[in-house]
Amino acid sequence: MGTTNEIRIGIIGAGANMRERHLPAFQQLPGVKVAGVVNRSATSGQKIATEFGIPTVYPTVEALLADDKIDAIVIG
């Protein structure tokens, strides 16, 4: 984990259940930040990132998994 107490989550797959339930719930948790997303396409990933204020869109699952700034992964 980084130098803060914040848990940085990476999202793999952002379908309807993730968008309607999980992402809004994660955003309400203190100390939790949804820091990145990878989706079926870069376009759909960017759409989710814009909608939910997610700062990073990864081009591949492997790129997300390799980022040492991500503390936890949620598979949607």
PDB file of N, CA and C in Angstrom:
ATOM      1  N   MET A   1       0.839  -1.178   0.000  1.00  0.00           N
ATOM      2  CA  MET A   1       0.000   0.000   0.000  1.00  0.00           C
ATOM      3  C   MET A   1       0.879   1.235   0.000  1.00  0.00           C
ATOM      4  N   GLY A   2       0.353   2.325  -0.511  1.00  0.00           N
ATOM      5  CA  GLY A   2       1.104   3.566  -0.600  1.00  0.00           C
ATOM      6  C   GLY A   2       1.397   4.174   0.759  1.00  0.00           C
ATOM      7  N   THR A   3       1.798   5.435   0.762  1.00  0.00           N
ATOM      8  CA  THR A   3       2.169   6.098   2.000  1.00  0.00           C
ATOM      9  C   THR A   3       0.973   6.630   2.769  1.00  0.00           C
ATOM     10  N   THR A   4      -0.206   6.561   2.208  1.00  0.00           N
ATOM     11  CA  THR A   4      -1.406   6.990   2.918  1.00  0.00           C
ATOM     12  C   THR A   4      -2.157   5.760   3.392  1.00  0.00           C
ATOM     13  N   ASN A   5      -3.203   6.008   4.155  1.00  0.00           N
ATOM     14  CA  ASN A   5      -4.054   4.913   4.613  1.00  0.00           C
ATOM     15  C   ASN A   5      -5.142   4.580   3.609  1.00  0.00           C
ATOM     16  N   GLU A   6      -5.139   5.247   2.483  1.00  0.00           N
ATOM     17  CA  GLU A   6      -6.147   5.042   1.459  1.00  0.00           C
ATOM     18  C   GLU A   6      -5.918   3.713   0.736  1.00  0.00           C
ATOM     19  N   ILE A   7      -6.977   2.968   0.536  1.00  0.00           N
ATOM     20  CA  ILE A   7      -6.917   1.736  -0.251  1.00  0.00           C
ATOM     21  C   ILE A   7      -7.315   2.098  -1.667  1.00  0.00           C
ATOM     22  N   ARG A   8      -6.433   1.793  -2.604  1.00  0.00           N
ATOM     23  CA  ARG A   8      -6.654   2.128  -4.014  1.00  0.00           C
ATOM     24  C   ARG A   8      -7.080   0.859  -4.751  1.00  0.00           C
ATOM     25  N   ILE A   9      -8.308   0.899  -5.292  1.00  0.00           N
ATOM     26  CA  ILE A   9      -8.905  -0.254  -5.947  1.00  0.00           C
ATOM     27  C   ILE A   9      -8.795  -0.122  -7.460  1.00  0.00           C
ATOM     28  N   GLY A  10      -8.484  -1.245  -8.117  1.00  0.00           N
ATOM     29  CA  GLY A  10      -8.534  -1.349  -9.556  1.00  0.00           C
ATOM     30  C   GLY A  10      -9.707  -2.227  -9.951  1.00  0.00           C
ATOM     31  N   ILE A  11     -10.458  -1.807 -10.933  1.00  0.00           N
ATOM     32  CA  ILE A  11     -11.651  -2.520 -11.390  1.00  0.00           C
ATOM     33  C   ILE A  11     -11.355  -3.215 -12.712  1.00  0.00           C
ATOM     34  N   ILE A  12     -11.664  -4.493 -12.775  1.00  0.00           N
ATOM     35  CA  ILE A  12     -11.586  -5.255 -14.022  1.00  0.00           C
ATOM     36  C   ILE A  12     -13.006  -5.575 -14.442  1.00  0.00           C
ATOM     37  N   GLY A  13     -13.463  -4.940 -15.490  1.00  0.00           N
ATOM     38  CA  GLY A  13     -14.822  -5.165 -15.987  1.00  0.00           C
ATOM     39  C   GLY A  13     -15.823  -4.286 -15.263  1.00  0.00           C
ATOM     40  N   ALA A  14     -16.533  -3.479 -16.012  1.00  0.00           N
ATOM     41  CA  ALA A  14     -17.480  -2.541 -15.410  1.00  0.00           C
ATOM     42  C   ALA A  14     -18.832  -2.661 -16.088  1.00  0.00           C
ATOM     43  N   GLY A  15     -19.454  -3.806 -15.911  1.00  0.00           N
ATOM     44  CA  GLY A  15     -20.790  -4.034 -16.447  1.00  0.00           C
ATOM     45  C   GLY A  15     -21.846  -3.358 -15.596  1.00  0.00           C
ATOM     46  N   ALA A  16     -23.087  -3.659 -15.878  1.00  0.00           N
ATOM     47  CA  ALA A  16     -24.210  -2.995 -15.216  1.00  0.00           C
ATOM     48  C   ALA A  16     -24.170  -3.154 -13.698  1.00  0.00           C
ATOM     49  N   ASN A  17     -23.911  -4.333 -13.195  1.00  0.00           N
ATOM     50  CA  ASN A  17     -23.887  -4.546 -11.746  1.00  0.00           C
ATOM     51  C   ASN A  17     -22.792  -3.709 -11.088  1.00  0.00           C
ATOM     52  N   MET A  18     -21.637  -3.641 -11.718  1.00  0.00           N
ATOM     53  CA  MET A  18     -20.543  -2.833 -11.173  1.00  0.00           C
ATOM     54  C   MET A  18     -20.924  -1.359 -11.177  1.00  0.00           C
ATOM     55  N   ARG A  19     -21.489  -0.902 -12.278  1.00  0.00           N
ATOM     56  CA  ARG A  19     -21.851   0.522 -12.389  1.00  0.00           C
ATOM     57  C   ARG A  19     -22.995   0.904 -11.461  1.00  0.00           C
ATOM     58  N   GLU A  20     -23.979   0.038 -11.335  1.00  0.00           N
ATOM     59  CA  GLU A  20     -25.173   0.380 -10.564  1.00  0.00           C
ATOM     60  C   GLU A  20     -25.022   0.152  -9.070  1.00  0.00           C
ATOM     61  N   ARG A  21     -24.186  -0.801  -8.677  1.00  0.00           N
ATOM     62  CA  ARG A  21     -24.097  -1.141  -7.259  1.00  0.00           C
ATOM     63  C   ARG A  21     -22.712  -0.932  -6.659  1.00  0.00           C
ATOM     64  N   HIS A  22     -21.724  -1.589  -7.232  1.00  0.00           N
ATOM     65  CA  HIS A  22     -20.409  -1.622  -6.592  1.00  0.00           C
ATOM     66  C   HIS A  22     -19.674  -0.285  -6.638  1.00  0.00           C
ATOM     67  N   LEU A  23     -19.585   0.332  -7.811  1.00  0.00           N
ATOM     68  CA  LEU A  23     -18.859   1.602  -7.899  1.00  0.00           C
ATOM     69  C   LEU A  23     -19.464   2.675  -7.002  1.00  0.00           C
ATOM     70  N   PRO A  24     -20.783   2.885  -7.012  1.00  0.00           N
ATOM     71  CA  PRO A  24     -21.338   3.886  -6.090  1.00  0.00           C
ATOM     72  C   PRO A  24     -21.060   3.537  -4.624  1.00  0.00           C
ATOM     73  N   ALA A  25     -21.097   2.259  -4.282  1.00  0.00           N
ATOM     74  CA  ALA A  25     -20.828   1.856  -2.892  1.00  0.00           C
ATOM     75  C   ALA A  25     -19.370   2.103  -2.521  1.00  0.00           C
ATOM     76  N   PHE A  26     -18.439   1.747  -3.405  1.00  0.00           N
ATOM     77  CA  PHE A  26     -17.023   1.998  -3.127  1.00  0.00           C
ATOM     78  C   PHE A  26     -16.767   3.493  -2.928  1.00  0.00           C
ATOM     79  N   GLN A  27     -17.428   4.320  -3.706  1.00  0.00           N
ATOM     80  CA  GLN A  27     -17.206   5.757  -3.622  1.00  0.00           C
ATOM     81  C   GLN A  27     -17.716   6.345  -2.311  1.00  0.00           C
ATOM     82  N   GLN A  28     -18.570   5.637  -1.615  1.00  0.00           N
ATOM     83  CA  GLN A  28     -19.086   6.100  -0.329  1.00  0.00           C
ATOM     84  C   GLN A  28     -18.225   5.670   0.861  1.00  0.00           C
ATOM     85  N   LEU A  29     -17.294   4.750   0.621  1.00  0.00           N
ATOM     86  CA  LEU A  29     -16.473   4.231   1.712  1.00  0.00           C
ATOM     87  C   LEU A  29     -15.308   5.168   2.019  1.00  0.00           C
ATOM     88  N   PRO A  30     -15.194   5.611   3.264  1.00  0.00           N
ATOM     89  CA  PRO A  30     -14.049   6.445   3.609  1.00  0.00           C
ATOM     90  C   PRO A  30     -12.753   5.636   3.501  1.00  0.00           C
ATOM     91  N   GLY A  31     -11.718   6.265   2.991  1.00  0.00           N
ATOM     92  CA  GLY A  31     -10.428   5.604   2.892  1.00  0.00           C
ATOM     93  C   GLY A  31     -10.279   4.683   1.696  1.00  0.00           C
ATOM     94  N   VAL A  32     -11.271   4.682   0.812  1.00  0.00           N
ATOM     95  CA  VAL A  32     -11.236   3.838  -0.382  1.00  0.00           C
ATOM     96  C   VAL A  32     -11.314   4.734  -1.610  1.00  0.00           C
ATOM     97  N   LYS A  33     -10.447   4.477  -2.583  1.00  0.00           N
ATOM     98  CA  LYS A  33     -10.489   5.221  -3.848  1.00  0.00           C
ATOM     99  C   LYS A  33     -10.461   4.230  -4.993  1.00  0.00           C
ATOM    100  N   VAL A  34     -11.420   4.355  -5.903  1.00  0.00           N
ATOM    101  CA  VAL A  34     -11.366   3.576  -7.134  1.00  0.00           C
ATOM    102  C   VAL A  34     -10.384   4.319  -8.031  1.00  0.00           C
ATOM    103  N   ALA A  35      -9.208   3.716  -8.209  1.00  0.00           N
ATOM    104  CA  ALA A  35      -8.088   4.416  -8.834  1.00  0.00           C
ATOM    105  C   ALA A  35      -7.880   4.061 -10.294  1.00  0.00           C
ATOM    106  N   GLY A  36      -8.470   2.954 -10.756  1.00  0.00           N
ATOM    107  CA  GLY A  36      -8.263   2.567 -12.133  1.00  0.00           C
ATOM    108  C   GLY A  36      -9.282   1.555 -12.594  1.00  0.00           C
ATOM    109  N   VAL A  37      -9.444   1.496 -13.909  1.00  0.00           N
ATOM    110  CA  VAL A  37     -10.401   0.565 -14.506  1.00  0.00           C
ATOM    111  C   VAL A  37      -9.856   0.056 -15.827  1.00  0.00           C
ATOM    112  N   VAL A  38     -10.161  -1.189 -16.118  1.00  0.00           N
ATOM    113  CA  VAL A  38      -9.953  -1.752 -17.446  1.00  0.00           C
ATOM    114  C   VAL A  38     -11.266  -2.424 -17.826  1.00  0.00           C
ATOM    115  N   ASN A  39     -11.713  -2.161 -19.044  1.00  0.00           N
ATOM    116  CA  ASN A  39     -12.978  -2.722 -19.500  1.00  0.00           C
ATOM    117  C   ASN A  39     -12.756  -3.372 -20.862  1.00  0.00           C
ATOM    118  N   ARG A  40     -13.815  -3.846 -21.450  1.00  0.00           N
ATOM    119  CA  ARG A  40     -13.737  -4.581 -22.715  1.00  0.00           C
ATOM    120  C   ARG A  40     -13.012  -3.817 -23.814  1.00  0.00           C
ATOM    121  N   SER A  41     -13.213  -2.514 -23.846  1.00  0.00           N
ATOM    122  CA  SER A  41     -12.526  -1.666 -24.830  1.00  0.00           C
ATOM    123  C   SER A  41     -12.056  -0.397 -24.133  1.00  0.00           C
ATOM    124  N   ALA A  42     -11.086   0.278 -24.731  1.00  0.00           N
ATOM    125  CA  ALA A  42     -10.597   1.542 -24.168  1.00  0.00           C
ATOM    126  C   ALA A  42     -11.722   2.577 -24.131  1.00  0.00           C
ATOM    127  N   THR A  43     -12.571   2.570 -25.142  1.00  0.00           N
ATOM    128  CA  THR A  43     -13.684   3.520 -25.199  1.00  0.00           C
ATOM    129  C   THR A  43     -14.659   3.307 -24.048  1.00  0.00           C
ATOM    130  N   SER A  44     -15.037   2.065 -23.807  1.00  0.00           N
ATOM    131  CA  SER A  44     -15.972   1.800 -22.702  1.00  0.00           C
ATOM    132  C   SER A  44     -15.307   2.042 -21.357  1.00  0.00           C
ATOM    133  N   GLY A  45     -14.017   1.743 -21.263  1.00  0.00           N
ATOM    134  CA  GLY A  45     -13.285   2.037 -20.028  1.00  0.00           C
ATOM    135  C   GLY A  45     -13.255   3.525 -19.749  1.00  0.00           C
ATOM    136  N   GLN A  46     -13.021   4.329 -20.785  1.00  0.00           N
ATOM    137  CA  GLN A  46     -12.992   5.782 -20.611  1.00  0.00           C
ATOM    138  C   GLN A  46     -14.359   6.318 -20.230  1.00  0.00           C
ATOM    139  N   LYS A  47     -15.401   5.748 -20.790  1.00  0.00           N
ATOM    140  CA  LYS A  47     -16.764   6.183 -20.452  1.00  0.00           C
ATOM    141  C   LYS A  47     -17.039   5.965 -18.965  1.00  0.00           C
ATOM    142  N   ILE A  48     -16.676   4.800 -18.455  1.00  0.00           N
ATOM    143  CA  ILE A  48     -16.866   4.494 -17.025  1.00  0.00           C
ATOM    144  C   ILE A  48     -16.009   5.435 -16.179  1.00  0.00           C
ATOM    145  N   ALA A  49     -14.757   5.638 -16.590  1.00  0.00           N
ATOM    146  CA  ALA A  49     -13.850   6.506 -15.838  1.00  0.00           C
ATOM    147  C   ALA A  49     -14.410   7.925 -15.750  1.00  0.00           C
ATOM    148  N   THR A  50     -14.920   8.422 -16.845  1.00  0.00           N
ATOM    149  CA  THR A  50     -15.494   9.764 -16.859  1.00  0.00           C
ATOM    150  C   THR A  50     -16.731   9.833 -15.968  1.00  0.00           C
ATOM    151  N   GLU A  51     -17.595   8.848 -16.087  1.00  0.00           N
ATOM    152  CA  GLU A  51     -18.839   8.829 -15.307  1.00  0.00           C
ATOM    153  C   GLU A  51     -18.577   8.782 -13.811  1.00  0.00           C
ATOM    154  N   PHE A  52     -17.549   8.043 -13.380  1.00  0.00           N
ATOM    155  CA  PHE A  52     -17.317   7.823 -11.958  1.00  0.00           C
ATOM    156  C   PHE A  52     -16.070   8.530 -11.427  1.00  0.00           C
ATOM    157  N   GLY A  53     -15.434   9.348 -12.231  1.00  0.00           N
ATOM    158  CA  GLY A  53     -14.266  10.083 -11.759  1.00  0.00           C
ATOM    159  C   GLY A  53     -13.070   9.200 -11.451  1.00  0.00           C
ATOM    160  N   ILE A  54     -12.911   8.136 -12.215  1.00  0.00           N
ATOM    161  CA  ILE A  54     -11.781   7.212 -12.031  1.00  0.00           C
ATOM    162  C   ILE A  54     -10.602   7.770 -12.817  1.00  0.00           C
ATOM    163  N   PRO A  55      -9.459   7.986 -12.162  1.00  0.00           N
ATOM    164  CA  PRO A  55      -8.373   8.699 -12.829  1.00  0.00           C
ATOM    165  C   PRO A  55      -7.608   7.941 -13.913  1.00  0.00           C
ATOM    166  N   THR A  56      -7.578   6.609 -13.849  1.00  0.00           N
ATOM    167  CA  THR A  56      -6.748   5.867 -14.797  1.00  0.00           C
ATOM    168  C   THR A  56      -7.548   4.801 -15.527  1.00  0.00           C
ATOM    169  N   VAL A  57      -7.417   4.782 -16.846  1.00  0.00           N
ATOM    170  CA  VAL A  57      -7.979   3.718 -17.675  1.00  0.00           C
ATOM    171  C   VAL A  57      -6.801   2.908 -18.192  1.00  0.00           C
ATOM    172  N   TYR A  58      -6.791   1.628 -17.904  1.00  0.00           N
ATOM    173  CA  TYR A  58      -5.705   0.751 -18.329  1.00  0.00           C
ATOM    174  C   TYR A  58      -6.053   0.102 -19.663  1.00  0.00           C
ATOM    175  N   PRO A  59      -5.064  -0.088 -20.518  1.00  0.00           N
ATOM    176  CA  PRO A  59      -5.323  -0.702 -21.821  1.00  0.00           C
ATOM    177  C   PRO A  59      -5.548  -2.210 -21.738  1.00  0.00           C
ATOM    178  N   THR A  60      -4.987  -2.834 -20.704  1.00  0.00           N
ATOM    179  CA  THR A  60      -5.109  -4.287 -20.536  1.00  0.00           C
ATOM    180  C   THR A  60      -5.202  -4.641 -19.053  1.00  0.00           C
ATOM    181  N   VAL A  61      -5.714  -5.833 -18.795  1.00  0.00           N
ATOM    182  CA  VAL A  61      -5.745  -6.355 -17.425  1.00  0.00           C
ATOM    183  C   VAL A  61      -4.324  -6.434 -16.871  1.00  0.00           C
ATOM    184  N   GLU A  62      -3.403  -6.885 -17.697  1.00  0.00           N
ATOM    185  CA  GLU A  62      -2.018  -7.031 -17.249  1.00  0.00           C
ATOM    186  C   GLU A  62      -1.423  -5.701 -16.792  1.00  0.00           C
ATOM    187  N   ALA A  63      -1.756  -4.623 -17.486  1.00  0.00           N
ATOM    188  CA  ALA A  63      -1.257  -3.301 -17.114  1.00  0.00           C
ATOM    189  C   ALA A  63      -1.799  -2.878 -15.750  1.00  0.00           C
ATOM    190  N   LEU A  64      -3.065  -3.150 -15.510  1.00  0.00           N
ATOM    191  CA  LEU A  64      -3.646  -2.837 -14.198  1.00  0.00           C
ATOM    192  C   LEU A  64      -2.962  -3.665 -13.111  1.00  0.00           C
ATOM    193  N   LEU A  65      -2.818  -4.957 -13.351  1.00  0.00           N
ATOM    194  CA  LEU A  65      -2.213  -5.840 -12.349  1.00  0.00           C
ATOM    195  C   LEU A  65      -0.761  -5.474 -12.058  1.00  0.00           C
ATOM    196  N   ALA A  66      -0.073  -4.908 -13.022  1.00  0.00           N
ATOM    197  CA  ALA A  66       1.337  -4.551 -12.847  1.00  0.00           C
ATOM    198  C   ALA A  66       1.540  -3.233 -12.110  1.00  0.00           C
ATOM    199  N   ASP A  67       0.493  -2.452 -11.935  1.00  0.00           N
ATOM    200  CA  ASP A  67       0.619  -1.138 -11.303  1.00  0.00           C
ATOM    201  C   ASP A  67       0.730  -1.296  -9.799  1.00  0.00           C
ATOM    202  N   ASP A  68       1.876  -0.965  -9.245  1.00  0.00           N
ATOM    203  CA  ASP A  68       2.091  -1.144  -7.809  1.00  0.00           C
ATOM    204  C   ASP A  68       1.373  -0.093  -6.969  1.00  0.00           C
ATOM    205  N   LYS A  69       0.691   0.853  -7.606  1.00  0.00           N
ATOM    206  CA  LYS A  69      -0.115   1.827  -6.863  1.00  0.00           C
ATOM    207  C   LYS A  69      -1.517   1.297  -6.560  1.00  0.00           C
ATOM    208  N   ILE A  70      -1.859   0.153  -7.119  1.00  0.00           N
ATOM    209  CA  ILE A  70      -3.166  -0.472  -6.872  1.00  0.00           C
ATOM    210  C   ILE A  70      -3.015  -1.468  -5.731  1.00  0.00           C
ATOM    211  N   ASP A  71      -3.863  -1.335  -4.716  1.00  0.00           N
ATOM    212  CA  ASP A  71      -3.783  -2.193  -3.540  1.00  0.00           C
ATOM    213  C   ASP A  71      -4.690  -3.417  -3.611  1.00  0.00           C
ATOM    214  N   ALA A  72      -5.801  -3.291  -4.322  1.00  0.00           N
ATOM    215  CA  ALA A  72      -6.784  -4.384  -4.389  1.00  0.00           C
ATOM    216  C   ALA A  72      -7.446  -4.362  -5.757  1.00  0.00           C
ATOM    217  N   ILE A  73      -7.880  -5.538  -6.191  1.00  0.00           N
ATOM    218  CA  ILE A  73      -8.543  -5.698  -7.478  1.00  0.00           C
ATOM    219  C   ILE A  73      -9.962  -6.215  -7.235  1.00  0.00           C
ATOM    220  N   VAL A  74     -10.903  -5.641  -7.956  1.00  0.00           N
ATOM    221  CA  VAL A  74     -12.274  -6.135  -7.937  1.00  0.00           C
ATOM    222  C   VAL A  74     -12.616  -6.546  -9.370  1.00  0.00           C
ATOM    223  N   ILE A  75     -13.090  -7.781  -9.514  1.00  0.00           N
ATOM    224  CA  ILE A  75     -13.479  -8.278 -10.826  1.00  0.00           C
ATOM    225  C   ILE A  75     -14.990  -8.177 -10.936  1.00  0.00           C
ATOM    226  N   GLY A  76     -15.420  -7.422 -11.950  1.00  0.00           N
ATOM    227  CA  GLY A  76     -16.845  -7.147 -12.103  1.00  0.00           C
ATOM    228  C   GLY A  76     -17.549  -8.147 -12.972  1.00  0.00           C
TER     229      GLY A  76
END
